[in-house]
Amino acid sequence: MVERVWPALVDLVVPLQCGGCARPGTRWCRTCAREIADAPIEVRTRVALPVPAYALGRYSGVRRQAILELKERGRSDLSVPLGRAVATALLALDRWSELPAAERLLLIPAPTRRMSARRRGGDPVTAIAGSAARALGGRVEVTPLLVTSMWARDSAHLSAGERGDNLTGAIRIRRSVRSRFSAVCGLDAAVVLLDDVLTTGATVAESVSVLANAGVEVHLVLVIAAA
């Protein structure tokens, strides 16, 4: 009885609606699921990237709304459908031979500031990566190696050049996972850097550079949406 009544009471306080289109009565509707499951698109950025970058689509419509709901409005449940969409995109990229043949797939979430992660109850990109890994199976590992220093400014209103200057030296390897470097570097793995929104490319470019300097080769960047 409690199991049936409690969700109904919650729905009275927080109406159940789709995280992509606000359709009532469902957390994620079939129409949004189909739209976000389209084949990934290759994207170009103002900051040159040393590896190919792909997105599930443009930062508009369903993708934009879902990201805002997840990051700014606490809809942590949306990490599941977004993760499944990422898994579908990775399978497509593998079929297109965009990923190297390897025994394992390593997903590295793009860095976030600890303050932002605490405010949101956790890092949304890491949650999406975890959902994608569960959908893909046991040979996929999520390794949150990167973090952004607390003194880096919010880059939302910065130009491409300002974003690059802001992030230089600000992205680093997490101290808590330094001991895993030898294991990560020793894996026969395709490595994908995962992020939510790709704008100028400054964050992922610096992330790829930091990982390369640490001995981790990134093969591809994948994001939910390209601005």
Protein backbone atom coordinates (compact mmCIF):
# COMPACT_ATOMS: atom_id res chain seq x y z
CA MET A 1 0.00 0.00 0.00
CA VAL A 2 2.76 2.47 0.98
CA GLU A 3 4.61 1.72 -2.27
CA ARG A 4 1.54 2.77 -4.27
CA VAL A 5 0.49 5.77 -2.19
CA TRP A 6 3.89 7.46 -1.80
CA PRO A 7 4.53 8.11 -5.54
CA ALA A 8 1.02 9.53 -5.85
CA LEU A 9 1.63 11.93 -2.94
CA VAL A 10 4.95 13.02 -4.45
CA ASP A 11 3.25 13.65 -7.77
CA LEU A 12 0.77 15.97 -6.06
CA VAL A 13 3.65 18.09 -4.76
CA VAL A 14 5.93 17.82 -7.82
CA PRO A 15 3.82 17.04 -10.91
CA LEU A 16 5.24 14.25 -13.04
CA GLN A 17 6.25 15.52 -16.46
CA CYS A 18 8.63 14.70 -19.27
CA GLY A 19 12.08 16.21 -18.82
CA GLY A 20 12.33 16.99 -22.53
CA CYS A 21 8.94 18.44 -23.49
CA ALA A 22 7.01 18.80 -20.19
CA ARG A 23 4.34 16.31 -21.30
CA PRO A 24 2.44 15.32 -18.13
CA GLY A 25 2.29 11.80 -16.73
CA THR A 26 5.78 10.57 -17.65
CA ARG A 27 9.36 11.38 -16.72
CA TRP A 28 10.62 10.82 -20.29
CA CYS A 29 8.25 10.35 -23.23
CA ARG A 30 8.77 8.14 -26.28
CA THR A 31 8.84 11.13 -28.63
CA CYS A 32 11.77 12.71 -26.78
CA ALA A 33 13.51 9.34 -26.55
CA ARG A 34 13.30 8.95 -30.34
CA GLU A 35 14.47 12.50 -31.00
CA ILE A 36 17.54 12.26 -28.78
CA ALA A 37 18.48 8.84 -30.17
CA ASP A 38 19.34 10.22 -33.63
CA ALA A 39 22.77 9.42 -35.09
CA PRO A 40 25.54 11.59 -33.59
CA ILE A 41 26.84 14.53 -35.60
CA GLU A 42 30.46 15.63 -35.94
CA VAL A 43 31.07 19.16 -34.68
CA ARG A 44 33.73 21.81 -35.18
CA THR A 45 34.75 24.25 -32.47
CA ARG A 46 36.42 27.66 -32.40
CA VAL A 47 39.21 26.19 -30.29
CA ALA A 48 40.96 23.51 -32.35
CA LEU A 49 40.66 20.03 -30.88
CA PRO A 50 43.29 17.32 -31.35
CA VAL A 51 40.65 14.58 -31.58
CA PRO A 52 37.26 14.25 -33.33
CA ALA A 53 34.24 15.62 -31.47
CA TYR A 54 30.66 14.38 -31.82
CA ALA A 55 27.34 15.47 -30.32
CA LEU A 56 23.93 13.84 -30.00
CA GLY A 57 22.62 17.00 -31.66
CA ARG A 58 22.40 20.76 -31.28
CA TYR A 59 21.76 22.58 -28.01
CA SER A 60 18.09 23.20 -28.65
CA GLY A 61 14.70 21.60 -28.12
CA VAL A 62 14.69 18.34 -26.19
CA ARG A 63 18.43 18.25 -25.55
CA ARG A 64 18.58 21.79 -24.18
CA GLN A 65 15.55 21.28 -21.96
CA ALA A 66 16.78 17.96 -20.58
CA ILE A 67 20.21 19.40 -19.74
CA LEU A 68 18.65 22.39 -17.97
CA GLU A 69 16.27 20.15 -16.03
CA LEU A 70 19.12 17.86 -14.99
CA LYS A 71 21.69 20.52 -14.07
CA GLU A 72 19.61 23.42 -12.78
CA ARG A 73 16.36 21.88 -11.55
CA GLY A 74 17.49 18.72 -9.85
CA ARG A 75 16.07 16.18 -12.31
CA SER A 76 18.71 13.56 -11.57
CA ASP A 77 16.41 10.89 -13.03
CA LEU A 78 17.19 12.28 -16.51
CA SER A 79 20.74 10.91 -16.31
CA VAL A 80 19.23 7.52 -17.20
CA PRO A 81 17.65 8.36 -20.60
CA LEU A 82 20.54 10.67 -21.47
CA GLY A 83 22.98 7.90 -20.60
CA ARG A 84 21.11 5.46 -22.80
CA ALA A 85 21.26 7.96 -25.66
CA VAL A 86 25.02 8.27 -25.12
CA ALA A 87 25.31 4.48 -25.21
CA THR A 88 23.42 4.38 -28.52
CA ALA A 89 25.72 7.07 -29.96
CA LEU A 90 28.83 5.19 -28.85
CA LEU A 91 27.61 2.03 -30.55
CA ALA A 92 27.06 4.02 -33.75
CA LEU A 93 30.54 5.57 -33.53
CA ASP A 94 32.03 2.13 -33.03
CA ARG A 95 30.21 0.85 -36.14
CA TRP A 96 31.59 3.84 -38.06
CA SER A 97 35.13 2.87 -36.90
CA GLU A 98 35.52 6.19 -35.08
CA LEU A 99 36.75 4.30 -32.03
CA PRO A 100 39.86 2.12 -32.05
CA ALA A 101 39.47 -1.63 -31.64
CA ALA A 102 40.08 -2.32 -27.96
CA GLU A 103 39.14 -4.70 -25.18
CA ARG A 104 37.52 -1.99 -23.06
CA LEU A 105 35.89 1.41 -23.32
CA LEU A 106 36.90 4.10 -20.85
CA LEU A 107 34.53 7.03 -20.29
CA ILE A 108 36.12 10.09 -18.67
CA PRO A 109 33.65 12.79 -17.59
CA ALA A 110 34.69 16.36 -18.36
CA PRO A 111 35.87 18.21 -15.24
CA THR A 112 33.59 20.15 -12.98
CA ARG A 113 34.14 22.41 -10.00
CA ARG A 114 33.53 20.67 -6.67
CA MET A 115 31.32 23.57 -5.57
CA SER A 116 29.04 23.08 -8.59
CA ALA A 117 28.88 19.32 -8.04
CA ARG A 118 27.92 19.80 -4.39
CA ARG A 119 25.23 22.33 -5.30
CA ARG A 120 23.71 19.88 -7.77
CA GLY A 121 23.93 16.86 -5.50
CA GLY A 122 26.64 15.27 -7.65
CA ASP A 123 28.18 15.68 -11.07
CA PRO A 124 25.52 15.24 -13.81
CA VAL A 125 28.04 14.23 -16.49
CA THR A 126 29.45 11.48 -14.28
CA ALA A 127 25.90 10.27 -13.65
CA ILE A 128 25.21 10.20 -17.41
CA ALA A 129 28.46 8.31 -17.99
CA GLY A 130 27.47 5.77 -15.35
CA SER A 131 24.09 5.24 -16.98
CA ALA A 132 25.76 4.77 -20.38
CA ALA A 133 28.21 2.26 -18.91
CA ARG A 134 25.40 0.21 -17.37
CA ALA A 135 23.60 0.15 -20.71
CA LEU A 136 26.71 -0.97 -22.58
CA GLY A 137 27.86 -3.72 -20.22
CA GLY A 138 30.82 -4.86 -18.16
CA ARG A 139 33.64 -3.84 -20.48
CA VAL A 140 32.89 -0.14 -20.02
CA GLU A 141 34.45 1.79 -17.15
CA VAL A 142 33.74 5.31 -15.90
CA THR A 143 36.82 7.04 -14.50
CA PRO A 144 36.35 10.62 -13.22
CA LEU A 145 39.99 11.63 -13.44
CA LEU A 146 39.56 15.38 -13.88
CA VAL A 147 38.52 18.29 -11.70
CA THR A 148 38.43 22.07 -12.21
CA SER A 149 40.16 24.20 -9.59
CA MET A 150 37.85 26.25 -7.42
CA TRP A 151 39.51 29.53 -8.50
CA ALA A 152 38.47 29.11 -12.15
CA ARG A 153 35.66 31.49 -13.10
CA ASP A 154 32.30 30.38 -14.44
CA SER A 155 32.83 30.36 -18.22
CA ALA A 156 29.22 30.94 -19.26
CA HIS A 157 29.77 34.56 -20.36
CA LEU A 158 33.41 34.36 -21.45
CA SER A 159 34.72 34.57 -25.01
CA ALA A 160 36.67 31.71 -26.58
CA GLY A 161 39.98 33.39 -25.74
CA GLU A 162 38.90 34.22 -22.20
CA ARG A 163 37.72 30.63 -21.67
CA GLY A 164 41.10 29.32 -22.74
CA ASP A 165 42.96 31.71 -20.42
CA ASN A 166 40.56 30.90 -17.58
CA LEU A 167 41.16 27.16 -17.88
CA THR A 168 44.91 27.15 -18.44
CA GLY A 169 46.30 25.35 -15.43
CA ALA A 170 42.86 25.12 -13.82
CA ILE A 171 42.06 21.57 -14.89
CA ARG A 172 44.00 18.89 -13.08
CA ILE A 173 44.00 15.24 -12.16
CA ARG A 174 42.09 14.39 -8.99
CA ARG A 175 44.45 13.56 -6.14
CA SER A 176 42.17 10.72 -5.06
CA VAL A 177 42.65 8.86 -8.35
CA ARG A 178 46.35 9.48 -9.02
CA SER A 179 47.13 5.94 -7.89
CA ARG A 180 44.92 4.58 -10.68
CA PHE A 181 46.98 6.13 -13.47
CA SER A 182 49.19 3.11 -14.00
CA ALA A 183 46.14 0.84 -14.25
CA VAL A 184 44.32 3.20 -16.62
CA CYS A 185 47.35 3.71 -18.84
CA GLY A 186 47.88 -0.03 -18.99
CA LEU A 187 44.38 -0.79 -20.24
CA ASP A 188 43.77 -1.78 -23.83
CA ALA A 189 40.95 0.73 -24.02
CA ALA A 190 39.27 3.22 -26.31
CA VAL A 191 39.07 6.47 -24.35
CA VAL A 192 36.15 8.90 -24.71
CA LEU A 193 35.90 12.27 -22.99
CA LEU A 194 32.23 12.93 -22.20
CA ASP A 195 30.59 16.33 -21.58
CA ASP A 196 27.10 17.81 -21.60
CA VAL A 197 27.44 20.93 -23.79
CA LEU A 198 30.21 21.81 -26.23
CA THR A 199 30.58 25.54 -26.91
CA THR A 200 34.01 26.95 -27.81
CA GLY A 201 35.88 23.71 -27.15
CA ALA A 202 38.19 25.31 -24.57
CA THR A 203 37.28 22.94 -21.74
CA VAL A 204 37.65 19.72 -23.71
CA ALA A 205 40.85 20.94 -25.40
CA GLU A 206 42.47 21.64 -22.04
CA SER A 207 41.13 18.35 -20.65
CA VAL A 208 42.59 16.33 -23.53
CA SER A 209 45.93 18.11 -23.04
CA VAL A 210 46.01 17.44 -19.28
CA LEU A 211 45.20 13.77 -19.83
CA ALA A 212 47.82 13.45 -22.58
CA ASN A 213 50.47 14.94 -20.29
CA ALA A 214 49.49 12.33 -17.71
CA GLY A 215 49.82 9.49 -20.22
CA VAL A 216 46.14 8.97 -21.07
CA GLU A 217 45.33 9.24 -24.78
CA VAL A 218 41.81 10.45 -25.57
CA HIS A 219 40.48 9.11 -28.87
CA LEU A 220 37.19 10.98 -29.14
CA VAL A 221 35.02 13.64 -27.50
CA LEU A 222 31.27 13.04 -27.17
CA VAL A 223 28.74 15.55 -25.83
CA ILE A 224 25.00 15.63 -25.36
CA ALA A 225 24.63 18.88 -27.30
CA ALA A 226 26.73 21.29 -29.35
CA ALA A 227 25.96 25.00 -28.93
